């Protein structure tokens, strides 16, 4: 039941989001990507769509990502690989959280 906007890479995601006039409720992004990481993408997208919540995913453990300063412990995170039902549960969890609350 979700409307999905798909983009290959951060620049394409920003172009699509800049042209999209409806709210974007969730950004699902990899932490590490070519042409810019997910954290930078989320920061830039939030200027266009401040309502957007972010769910990061990575093959790295959440502990390693926090330890290396890529994300802080307050970010929503999903470890790869994951099953489709795990993704669906995490997406619902992020969308159900009140804005500004910790994961």
PDB file of N, CA and C in Angstrom:
ATOM      1  N   UNK A   1       0.783  -1.206   0.000  1.00  0.00           N
ATOM      2  CA  UNK A   1       0.000   0.000   0.000  1.00  0.00           C
ATOM      3  C   UNK A   1       0.826   1.272   0.000  1.00  0.00           C
ATOM      4  N   UNK A   2       2.140   1.154  -0.149  1.00  0.00           N
ATOM      5  CA  UNK A   2       2.986   2.352  -0.167  1.00  0.00           C
ATOM      6  C   UNK A   2       3.206   2.819  -1.600  1.00  0.00           C
ATOM      7  N   UNK A   3       3.319   4.124  -1.788  1.00  0.00           N
ATOM      8  CA  UNK A   3       3.712   4.694  -3.065  1.00  0.00           C
ATOM      9  C   UNK A   3       5.229   4.847  -3.013  1.00  0.00           C
ATOM     10  N   UNK A   4       5.942   4.149  -3.884  1.00  0.00           N
ATOM     11  CA  UNK A   4       7.400   4.113  -3.835  1.00  0.00           C
ATOM     12  C   UNK A   4       7.991   4.933  -4.974  1.00  0.00           C
ATOM     13  N   UNK A   5       8.920   5.791  -4.618  1.00  0.00           N
ATOM     14  CA  UNK A   5       9.723   6.524  -5.594  1.00  0.00           C
ATOM     15  C   UNK A   5      11.108   5.891  -5.562  1.00  0.00           C
ATOM     16  N   UNK A   6      11.558   5.372  -6.677  1.00  0.00           N
ATOM     17  CA  UNK A   6      12.820   4.644  -6.726  1.00  0.00           C
ATOM     18  C   UNK A   6      13.868   5.476  -7.449  1.00  0.00           C
ATOM     19  N   UNK A   7      15.088   5.473  -6.900  1.00  0.00           N
ATOM     20  CA  UNK A   7      16.172   6.215  -7.527  1.00  0.00           C
ATOM     21  C   UNK A   7      17.473   5.452  -7.377  1.00  0.00           C
ATOM     22  N   UNK A   8      18.287   5.492  -8.411  1.00  0.00           N
ATOM     23  CA  UNK A   8      19.626   4.927  -8.339  1.00  0.00           C
ATOM     24  C   UNK A   8      20.575   6.062  -7.999  1.00  0.00           C
ATOM     25  N   UNK A   9      20.994   6.111  -6.754  1.00  0.00           N
ATOM     26  CA  UNK A   9      21.963   7.109  -6.334  1.00  0.00           C
ATOM     27  C   UNK A   9      21.345   8.352  -5.739  1.00  0.00           C
ATOM     28  N   UNK A  10      22.179   9.066  -4.997  1.00  0.00           N
ATOM     29  CA  UNK A  10      21.732  10.234  -4.247  1.00  0.00           C
ATOM     30  C   UNK A  10      21.282  11.382  -5.149  1.00  0.00           C
ATOM     31  N   UNK A  11      22.023  11.663  -6.186  1.00  0.00           N
ATOM     32  CA  UNK A  11      21.665  12.789  -7.060  1.00  0.00           C
ATOM     33  C   UNK A  11      20.319  12.569  -7.731  1.00  0.00           C
ATOM     34  N   UNK A  12      20.070  11.359  -8.175  1.00  0.00           N
ATOM     35  CA  UNK A  12      18.783  11.049  -8.807  1.00  0.00           C
ATOM     36  C   UNK A  12      17.651  11.147  -7.783  1.00  0.00           C
ATOM     37  N   UNK A  13      17.898  10.688  -6.563  1.00  0.00           N
ATOM     38  CA  UNK A  13      16.894  10.784  -5.506  1.00  0.00           C
ATOM     39  C   UNK A  13      16.544  12.237  -5.226  1.00  0.00           C
ATOM     40  N   UNK A  14      17.540  13.096  -5.193  1.00  0.00           N
ATOM     41  CA  UNK A  14      17.289  14.524  -4.941  1.00  0.00           C
ATOM     42  C   UNK A  14      16.527  15.168  -6.093  1.00  0.00           C
ATOM     43  N   UNK A  15      16.826  14.761  -7.316  1.00  0.00           N
ATOM     44  CA  UNK A  15      16.092  15.298  -8.472  1.00  0.00           C
ATOM     45  C   UNK A  15      14.625  14.883  -8.400  1.00  0.00           C
ATOM     46  N   UNK A  16      14.391  13.607  -8.129  1.00  0.00           N
ATOM     47  CA  UNK A  16      13.013  13.104  -8.045  1.00  0.00           C
ATOM     48  C   UNK A  16      12.267  13.790  -6.906  1.00  0.00           C
ATOM     49  N   UNK A  17      12.899  13.881  -5.747  1.00  0.00           N
ATOM     50  CA  UNK A  17      12.228  14.493  -4.594  1.00  0.00           C
ATOM     51  C   UNK A  17      11.972  15.979  -4.816  1.00  0.00           C
ATOM     52  N   UNK A  18      12.845  16.632  -5.548  1.00  0.00           N
ATOM     53  CA  UNK A  18      12.641  18.049  -5.844  1.00  0.00           C
ATOM     54  C   UNK A  18      11.450  18.300  -6.744  1.00  0.00           C
ATOM     55  N   UNK A  19      11.109  17.327  -7.572  1.00  0.00           N
ATOM     56  CA  UNK A  19       9.980  17.439  -8.490  1.00  0.00           C
ATOM     57  C   UNK A  19       8.682  16.893  -7.896  1.00  0.00           C
ATOM     58  N   UNK A  20       8.780  16.221  -6.760  1.00  0.00           N
ATOM     59  CA  UNK A  20       7.622  15.569  -6.155  1.00  0.00           C
ATOM     60  C   UNK A  20       6.969  16.526  -5.166  1.00  0.00           C
ATOM     61  N   UNK A  21       5.720  16.877  -5.413  1.00  0.00           N
ATOM     62  CA  UNK A  21       5.077  17.911  -4.594  1.00  0.00           C
ATOM     63  C   UNK A  21       4.349  17.362  -3.360  1.00  0.00           C
ATOM     64  N   UNK A  22       4.082  16.066  -3.338  1.00  0.00           N
ATOM     65  CA  UNK A  22       3.415  15.473  -2.178  1.00  0.00           C
ATOM     66  C   UNK A  22       4.444  15.186  -1.089  1.00  0.00           C
ATOM     67  N   UNK A  23       3.987  14.946   0.153  1.00  0.00           N
ATOM     68  CA  UNK A  23       4.932  14.596   1.217  1.00  0.00           C
ATOM     69  C   UNK A  23       5.654  13.281   0.912  1.00  0.00           C
ATOM     70  N   UNK A  24       6.899  13.221   1.322  1.00  0.00           N
ATOM     71  CA  UNK A  24       7.671  11.985   1.279  1.00  0.00           C
ATOM     72  C   UNK A  24       7.831  11.567   2.735  1.00  0.00           C
ATOM     73  N   UNK A  25       7.142  10.515   3.109  1.00  0.00           N
ATOM     74  CA  UNK A  25       7.095  10.121   4.514  1.00  0.00           C
ATOM     75  C   UNK A  25       8.331   9.383   4.990  1.00  0.00           C
ATOM     76  N   UNK A  26       9.001   8.679   4.074  1.00  0.00           N
ATOM     77  CA  UNK A  26      10.140   7.863   4.485  1.00  0.00           C
ATOM     78  C   UNK A  26      11.180   7.807   3.384  1.00  0.00           C
ATOM     79  N   UNK A  27      12.429   7.966   3.781  1.00  0.00           N
ATOM     80  CA  UNK A  27      13.567   7.721   2.903  1.00  0.00           C
ATOM     81  C   UNK A  27      14.236   6.451   3.391  1.00  0.00           C
ATOM     82  N   UNK A  28      14.327   5.451   2.530  1.00  0.00           N
ATOM     83  CA  UNK A  28      15.073   4.229   2.822  1.00  0.00           C
ATOM     84  C   UNK A  28      16.348   4.326   2.005  1.00  0.00           C
ATOM     85  N   UNK A  29      17.481   4.387   2.694  1.00  0.00           N
ATOM     86  CA  UNK A  29      18.748   4.589   1.999  1.00  0.00           C
ATOM     87  C   UNK A  29      19.854   3.759   2.609  1.00  0.00           C
ATOM     88  N   UNK A  30      20.784   3.378   1.764  1.00  0.00           N
ATOM     89  CA  UNK A  30      21.972   2.695   2.258  1.00  0.00           C
ATOM     90  C   UNK A  30      22.853   3.734   2.934  1.00  0.00           C
ATOM     91  N   UNK A  31      23.603   3.310   3.919  1.00  0.00           N
ATOM     92  CA  UNK A  31      24.511   4.216   4.620  1.00  0.00           C
ATOM     93  C   UNK A  31      25.668   4.616   3.713  1.00  0.00           C
ATOM     94  N   UNK A  32      26.245   3.630   3.044  1.00  0.00           N
ATOM     95  CA  UNK A  32      27.402   3.866   2.183  1.00  0.00           C
ATOM     96  C   UNK A  32      26.980   3.658   0.732  1.00  0.00           C
ATOM     97  N   UNK A  33      27.165   4.717  -0.078  1.00  0.00           N
ATOM     98  CA  UNK A  33      26.806   4.644  -1.492  1.00  0.00           C
ATOM     99  C   UNK A  33      27.864   5.364  -2.307  1.00  0.00           C
ATOM    100  N   UNK A  34      28.001   4.974  -3.575  1.00  0.00           N
ATOM    101  CA  UNK A  34      28.848   5.783  -4.444  1.00  0.00           C
ATOM    102  C   UNK A  34      28.186   7.154  -4.639  1.00  0.00           C
ATOM    103  N   UNK A  35      28.947   8.165  -4.866  1.00  0.00           N
ATOM    104  CA  UNK A  35      28.432   9.519  -5.101  1.00  0.00           C
ATOM    105  C   UNK A  35      27.681  10.077  -3.905  1.00  0.00           C
ATOM    106  N   UNK A  36      28.146   9.815  -2.699  1.00  0.00           N
ATOM    107  CA  UNK A  36      27.533  10.407  -1.510  1.00  0.00           C
ATOM    108  C   UNK A  36      26.829   9.391  -0.651  1.00  0.00           C
ATOM    109  N   UNK A  37      26.984   9.508   0.634  1.00  0.00           N
ATOM    110  CA  UNK A  37      26.379   8.573   1.570  1.00  0.00           C
ATOM    111  C   UNK A  37      24.943   8.924   1.897  1.00  0.00           C
ATOM    112  N   UNK A  38      24.297   7.983   2.566  1.00  0.00           N
ATOM    113  CA  UNK A  38      22.903   8.146   2.945  1.00  0.00           C
ATOM    114  C   UNK A  38      22.656   9.287   3.909  1.00  0.00           C
ATOM    115  N   UNK A  39      23.612   9.534   4.804  1.00  0.00           N
ATOM    116  CA  UNK A  39      23.445  10.622   5.774  1.00  0.00           C
ATOM    117  C   UNK A  39      23.397  11.979   5.063  1.00  0.00           C
ATOM    118  N   UNK A  40      24.263  12.172   4.093  1.00  0.00           N
ATOM    119  CA  UNK A  40      24.269  13.423   3.320  1.00  0.00           C
ATOM    120  C   UNK A  40      23.000  13.538   2.482  1.00  0.00           C
ATOM    121  N   UNK A  41      22.569  12.440   1.887  1.00  0.00           N
ATOM    122  CA  UNK A  41      21.324  12.438   1.117  1.00  0.00           C
ATOM    123  C   UNK A  41      20.156  12.846   2.002  1.00  0.00           C
ATOM    124  N   UNK A  42      20.064  12.265   3.184  1.00  0.00           N
ATOM    125  CA  UNK A  42      18.968  12.585   4.103  1.00  0.00           C
ATOM    126  C   UNK A  42      18.987  14.061   4.489  1.00  0.00           C
ATOM    127  N   UNK A  43      20.161  14.580   4.739  1.00  0.00           N
ATOM    128  CA  UNK A  43      20.290  15.998   5.113  1.00  0.00           C
ATOM    129  C   UNK A  43      19.819  16.905   3.977  1.00  0.00           C
ATOM    130  N   UNK A  44      20.235  16.605   2.768  1.00  0.00           N
ATOM    131  CA  UNK A  44      19.853  17.432   1.620  1.00  0.00           C
ATOM    132  C   UNK A  44      18.374  17.284   1.285  1.00  0.00           C
ATOM    133  N   UNK A  45      17.852  16.066   1.383  1.00  0.00           N
ATOM    134  CA  UNK A  45      16.442  15.839   1.077  1.00  0.00           C
ATOM    135  C   UNK A  45      15.543  16.540   2.097  1.00  0.00           C
ATOM    136  N   UNK A  46      16.005  16.625   3.344  1.00  0.00           N
ATOM    137  CA  UNK A  46      15.179  17.249   4.387  1.00  0.00           C
ATOM    138  C   UNK A  46      14.951  18.735   4.126  1.00  0.00           C
ATOM    139  N   UNK A  47      15.788  19.380   3.329  1.00  0.00           N
ATOM    140  CA  UNK A  47      15.535  20.783   3.000  1.00  0.00           C
ATOM    141  C   UNK A  47      14.347  20.912   2.053  1.00  0.00           C
ATOM    142  N   UNK A  48      14.126  19.889   1.221  1.00  0.00           N
ATOM    143  CA  UNK A  48      12.985  19.872   0.302  1.00  0.00           C
ATOM    144  C   UNK A  48      11.737  19.307   0.976  1.00  0.00           C
ATOM    145  N   UNK A  49      11.937  18.307   1.816  1.00  0.00           N
ATOM    146  CA  UNK A  49      10.833  17.586   2.453  1.00  0.00           C
ATOM    147  C   UNK A  49      11.154  17.372   3.934  1.00  0.00           C
ATOM    148  N   UNK A  50      10.927  18.383   4.758  1.00  0.00           N
ATOM    149  CA  UNK A  50      11.282  18.266   6.181  1.00  0.00           C
ATOM    150  C   UNK A  50      10.469  17.218   6.938  1.00  0.00           C
ATOM    151  N   UNK A  51       9.374  16.754   6.385  1.00  0.00           N
ATOM    152  CA  UNK A  51       8.534  15.743   7.039  1.00  0.00           C
ATOM    153  C   UNK A  51       9.118  14.332   6.913  1.00  0.00           C
ATOM    154  N   UNK A  52      10.131  14.162   6.104  1.00  0.00           N
ATOM    155  CA  UNK A  52      10.656  12.839   5.778  1.00  0.00           C
ATOM    156  C   UNK A  52      11.424  12.216   6.933  1.00  0.00           C
ATOM    157  N   UNK A  53      11.042  10.996   7.280  1.00  0.00           N
ATOM    158  CA  UNK A  53      11.794  10.199   8.253  1.00  0.00           C
ATOM    159  C   UNK A  53      12.774   9.334   7.476  1.00  0.00           C
ATOM    160  N   UNK A  54      13.827   8.890   8.147  1.00  0.00           N
ATOM    161  CA  UNK A  54      14.891   8.174   7.440  1.00  0.00           C
ATOM    162  C   UNK A  54      15.132   6.817   8.095  1.00  0.00           C
ATOM    163  N   UNK A  55      15.214   5.798   7.254  1.00  0.00           N
ATOM    164  CA  UNK A  55      15.599   4.463   7.672  1.00  0.00           C
ATOM    165  C   UNK A  55      16.852   4.096   6.880  1.00  0.00           C
ATOM    166  N   UNK A  56      17.948   3.901   7.599  1.00  0.00           N
ATOM    167  CA  UNK A  56      19.216   3.536   6.978  1.00  0.00           C
ATOM    168  C   UNK A  56      19.349   2.017   6.965  1.00  0.00           C
ATOM    169  N   UNK A  57      20.036   1.514   5.942  1.00  0.00           N
ATOM    170  CA  UNK A  57      20.359   0.100   5.890  1.00  0.00           C
ATOM    171  C   UNK A  57      21.821  -0.036   5.500  1.00  0.00           C
ATOM    172  N   UNK A  58      22.422  -1.147   5.914  1.00  0.00           N
ATOM    173  CA  UNK A  58      23.818  -1.372   5.578  1.00  0.00           C
ATOM    174  C   UNK A  58      24.197  -2.820   5.841  1.00  0.00           C
ATOM    175  N   UNK A  59      25.217  -3.259   5.137  1.00  0.00           N
ATOM    176  CA  UNK A  59      25.820  -4.554   5.406  1.00  0.00           C
ATOM    177  C   UNK A  59      26.765  -4.490   6.592  1.00  0.00           C
ATOM    178  N   UNK A  60      27.152  -3.276   6.971  1.00  0.00           N
ATOM    179  CA  UNK A  60      27.961  -3.092   8.170  1.00  0.00           C
ATOM    180  C   UNK A  60      27.048  -3.188   9.388  1.00  0.00           C
ATOM    181  N   UNK A  61      27.577  -3.573  10.518  1.00  0.00           N
ATOM    182  CA  UNK A  61      26.763  -3.630  11.727  1.00  0.00           C
ATOM    183  C   UNK A  61      26.474  -2.212  12.207  1.00  0.00           C
ATOM    184  N   UNK A  62      25.371  -2.043  12.927  1.00  0.00           N
ATOM    185  CA  UNK A  62      25.042  -0.720  13.448  1.00  0.00           C
ATOM    186  C   UNK A  62      26.114  -0.243  14.418  1.00  0.00           C
ATOM    187  N   UNK A  63      26.723  -1.159  15.162  1.00  0.00           N
ATOM    188  CA  UNK A  63      27.782  -0.800  16.094  1.00  0.00           C
ATOM    189  C   UNK A  63      28.987  -0.223  15.354  1.00  0.00           C
ATOM    190  N   UNK A  64      29.387  -0.852  14.245  1.00  0.00           N
ATOM    191  CA  UNK A  64      30.529  -0.367  13.465  1.00  0.00           C
ATOM    192  C   UNK A  64      30.234   0.995  12.861  1.00  0.00           C
ATOM    193  N   UNK A  65      29.028   1.205  12.414  1.00  0.00           N
ATOM    194  CA  UNK A  65      28.659   2.472  11.798  1.00  0.00           C
ATOM    195  C   UNK A  65      28.688   3.594  12.830  1.00  0.00           C
ATOM    196  N   UNK A  66      28.178   3.339  14.014  1.00  0.00           N
ATOM    197  CA  UNK A  66      28.194   4.339  15.089  1.00  0.00           C
ATOM    198  C   UNK A  66      29.629   4.588  15.528  1.00  0.00           C
ATOM    199  N   UNK A  67      30.395   3.520  15.696  1.00  0.00           N
ATOM    200  CA  UNK A  67      31.778   3.631  16.167  1.00  0.00           C
ATOM    201  C   UNK A  67      32.632   4.470  15.215  1.00  0.00           C
ATOM    202  N   UNK A  68      32.389   4.356  13.924  1.00  0.00           N
ATOM    203  CA  UNK A  68      33.160   5.110  12.938  1.00  0.00           C
ATOM    204  C   UNK A  68      32.549   6.478  12.637  1.00  0.00           C
ATOM    205  N   UNK A  69      31.508   6.835  13.354  1.00  0.00           N
ATOM    206  CA  UNK A  69      30.924   8.169  13.218  1.00  0.00           C
ATOM    207  C   UNK A  69      30.089   8.384  11.975  1.00  0.00           C
ATOM    208  N   UNK A  70      29.722   7.311  11.293  1.00  0.00           N
ATOM    209  CA  UNK A  70      28.915   7.462  10.082  1.00  0.00           C
ATOM    210  C   UNK A  70      27.483   7.842  10.443  1.00  0.00           C
ATOM    211  N   UNK A  71      26.936   7.193  11.463  1.00  0.00           N
ATOM    212  CA  UNK A  71      25.602   7.510  11.980  1.00  0.00           C
ATOM    213  C   UNK A  71      25.689   7.627  13.486  1.00  0.00           C
ATOM    214  N   UNK A  72      24.736   8.321  14.076  1.00  0.00           N
ATOM    215  CA  UNK A  72      24.682   8.319  15.536  1.00  0.00           C
ATOM    216  C   UNK A  72      23.694   7.248  15.996  1.00  0.00           C
ATOM    217  N   UNK A  73      23.695   6.967  17.260  1.00  0.00           N
ATOM    218  CA  UNK A  73      22.843   5.930  17.811  1.00  0.00           C
ATOM    219  C   UNK A  73      21.367   6.242  17.752  1.00  0.00           C
ATOM    220  N   UNK A  74      21.000   7.466  17.365  1.00  0.00           N
ATOM    221  CA  UNK A  74      19.597   7.861  17.315  1.00  0.00           C
ATOM    222  C   UNK A  74      18.956   7.560  15.962  1.00  0.00           C
ATOM    223  N   UNK A  75      19.722   7.009  15.011  1.00  0.00           N
ATOM    224  CA  UNK A  75      19.194   6.757  13.677  1.00  0.00           C
ATOM    225  C   UNK A  75      18.466   5.417  13.630  1.00  0.00           C
ATOM    226  N   UNK A  76      17.426   5.350  12.816  1.00  0.00           N
ATOM    227  CA  UNK A  76      16.755   4.080  12.548  1.00  0.00           C
ATOM    228  C   UNK A  76      17.631   3.296  11.589  1.00  0.00           C
ATOM    229  N   UNK A  77      17.846   2.016  11.879  1.00  0.00           N
ATOM    230  CA  UNK A  77      18.816   1.227  11.129  1.00  0.00           C
ATOM    231  C   UNK A  77      18.300  -0.191  10.928  1.00  0.00           C
ATOM    232  N   UNK A  78      18.592  -0.743   9.744  1.00  0.00           N
ATOM    233  CA  UNK A  78      18.245  -2.120   9.421  1.00  0.00           C
ATOM    234  C   UNK A  78      19.476  -2.799   8.838  1.00  0.00           C
ATOM    235  N   UNK A  79      19.885  -3.875   9.460  1.00  0.00           N
ATOM    236  CA  UNK A  79      21.073  -4.625   9.058  1.00  0.00           C
ATOM    237  C   UNK A  79      20.786  -5.491   7.840  1.00  0.00           C
ATOM    238  N   UNK A  80      21.632  -5.423   6.819  1.00  0.00           N
ATOM    239  CA  UNK A  80      21.537  -6.325   5.670  1.00  0.00           C
ATOM    240  C   UNK A  80      22.272  -7.615   5.997  1.00  0.00           C
ATOM    241  N   UNK A  81      21.895  -8.704   5.436  1.00  0.00           N
ATOM    242  CA  UNK A  81      20.687  -8.916   4.641  1.00  0.00           C
ATOM    243  C   UNK A  81      19.467  -9.002   5.550  1.00  0.00           C
ATOM    244  N   UNK A  82      18.319  -8.690   4.994  1.00  0.00           N
ATOM    245  CA  UNK A  82      17.083  -8.767   5.762  1.00  0.00           C
ATOM    246  C   UNK A  82      15.989  -9.377   4.901  1.00  0.00           C
ATOM    247  N   UNK A  83      15.022  -9.968   5.556  1.00  0.00           N
ATOM    248  CA  UNK A  83      13.875 -10.569   4.870  1.00  0.00           C
ATOM    249  C   UNK A  83      12.840  -9.480   4.579  1.00  0.00           C
ATOM    250  N   UNK A  84      12.024  -9.675   3.564  1.00  0.00           N
ATOM    251  CA  UNK A  84      10.994  -8.683   3.253  1.00  0.00           C
ATOM    252  C   UNK A  84      10.095  -8.340   4.439  1.00  0.00           C
ATOM    253  N   UNK A  85       9.736  -9.336   5.253  1.00  0.00           N
ATOM    254  CA  UNK A  85       8.854  -9.044   6.393  1.00  0.00           C
ATOM    255  C   UNK A  85       9.589  -8.216   7.458  1.00  0.00           C
ATOM    256  N   UNK A  86      10.907  -8.371   7.583  1.00  0.00           N
ATOM    257  CA  UNK A  86      11.680  -7.539   8.517  1.00  0.00           C
ATOM    258  C   UNK A  86      11.698  -6.091   8.037  1.00  0.00           C
ATOM    259  N   UNK A  87      11.835  -5.900   6.739  1.00  0.00           N
ATOM    260  CA  UNK A  87      11.785  -4.547   6.173  1.00  0.00           C
ATOM    261  C   UNK A  87      10.413  -3.931   6.413  1.00  0.00           C
ATOM    262  N   UNK A  88       9.357  -4.674   6.148  1.00  0.00           N
ATOM    263  CA  UNK A  88       7.997  -4.163   6.337  1.00  0.00           C
ATOM    264  C   UNK A  88       7.755  -3.761   7.791  1.00  0.00           C
ATOM    265  N   UNK A  89       8.219  -4.577   8.738  1.00  0.00           N
ATOM    266  CA  UNK A  89       8.045  -4.252  10.168  1.00  0.00           C
ATOM    267  C   UNK A  89       8.814  -2.988  10.540  1.00  0.00           C
ATOM    268  N   UNK A  90      10.045  -2.862  10.037  1.00  0.00           N
ATOM    269  CA  UNK A  90      10.871  -1.704  10.381  1.00  0.00           C
ATOM    270  C   UNK A  90      10.305  -0.422   9.765  1.00  0.00           C
ATOM    271  N   UNK A  91       9.844  -0.509   8.536  1.00  0.00           N
ATOM    272  CA  UNK A  91       9.211   0.652   7.897  1.00  0.00           C
ATOM    273  C   UNK A  91       8.015   1.108   8.717  1.00  0.00           C
ATOM    274  N   UNK A  92       7.163   0.182   9.129  1.00  0.00           N
ATOM    275  CA  UNK A  92       5.985   0.524   9.927  1.00  0.00           C
ATOM    276  C   UNK A  92       6.406   1.122  11.260  1.00  0.00           C
ATOM    277  N   UNK A  93       7.457   0.571  11.891  1.00  0.00           N
ATOM    278  CA  UNK A  93       7.951   1.106  13.160  1.00  0.00           C
ATOM    279  C   UNK A  93       8.399   2.559  13.008  1.00  0.00           C
ATOM    280  N   UNK A  94       9.143   2.845  11.958  1.00  0.00           N
ATOM    281  CA  UNK A  94       9.635   4.209  11.736  1.00  0.00           C
ATOM    282  C   UNK A  94       8.470   5.153  11.468  1.00  0.00           C
ATOM    283  N   UNK A  95       7.530   4.732  10.651  1.00  0.00           N
ATOM    284  CA  UNK A  95       6.388   5.594  10.327  1.00  0.00           C
ATOM    285  C   UNK A  95       5.473   5.818  11.525  1.00  0.00           C
ATOM    286  N   UNK A  96       5.418   4.861  12.434  1.00  0.00           N
ATOM    287  CA  UNK A  96       4.558   4.993  13.614  1.00  0.00           C
ATOM    288  C   UNK A  96       5.172   5.861  14.708  1.00  0.00           C
ATOM    289  N   UNK A  97       6.483   6.086  14.682  1.00  0.00           N
ATOM    290  CA  UNK A  97       7.138   6.901  15.698  1.00  0.00           C
ATOM    291  C   UNK A  97       6.714   8.354  15.538  1.00  0.00           C
ATOM    292  N   UNK A  98       6.540   9.028  16.654  1.00  0.00           N
ATOM    293  CA  UNK A  98       6.254  10.446  16.600  1.00  0.00           C
ATOM    294  C   UNK A  98       7.502  11.186  16.154  1.00  0.00           C
ATOM    295  N   UNK A  99       7.354  12.237  15.354  1.00  0.00           N
ATOM    296  CA  UNK A  99       8.533  12.987  14.913  1.00  0.00           C
ATOM    297  C   UNK A  99       9.378  13.452  16.102  1.00  0.00           C
ATOM    298  N   UNK A 100      10.683  13.326  15.940  1.00  0.00           N
ATOM    299  CA  UNK A 100      11.604  13.792  16.974  1.00  0.00           C
ATOM    300  C   UNK A 100      11.883  12.796  18.074  1.00  0.00           C
ATOM    301  N   UNK A 101      11.241  11.607  18.036  1.00  0.00           N
ATOM    302  CA  UNK A 101      11.508  10.603  19.070  1.00  0.00           C
ATOM    303  C   UNK A 101      12.635   9.690  18.646  1.00  0.00           C
ATOM    304  N   UNK A 102      13.309   9.136  19.621  1.00  0.00           N
ATOM    305  CA  UNK A 102      14.436   8.240  19.355  1.00  0.00           C
ATOM    306  C   UNK A 102      13.927   6.880  18.926  1.00  0.00           C
ATOM    307  N   UNK A 103      14.738   6.149  18.131  1.00  0.00           N
ATOM    308  CA  UNK A 103      14.352   4.776  17.759  1.00  0.00           C
ATOM    309  C   UNK A 103      14.331   3.857  18.954  1.00  0.00           C
TER     310      UNK A 103
END
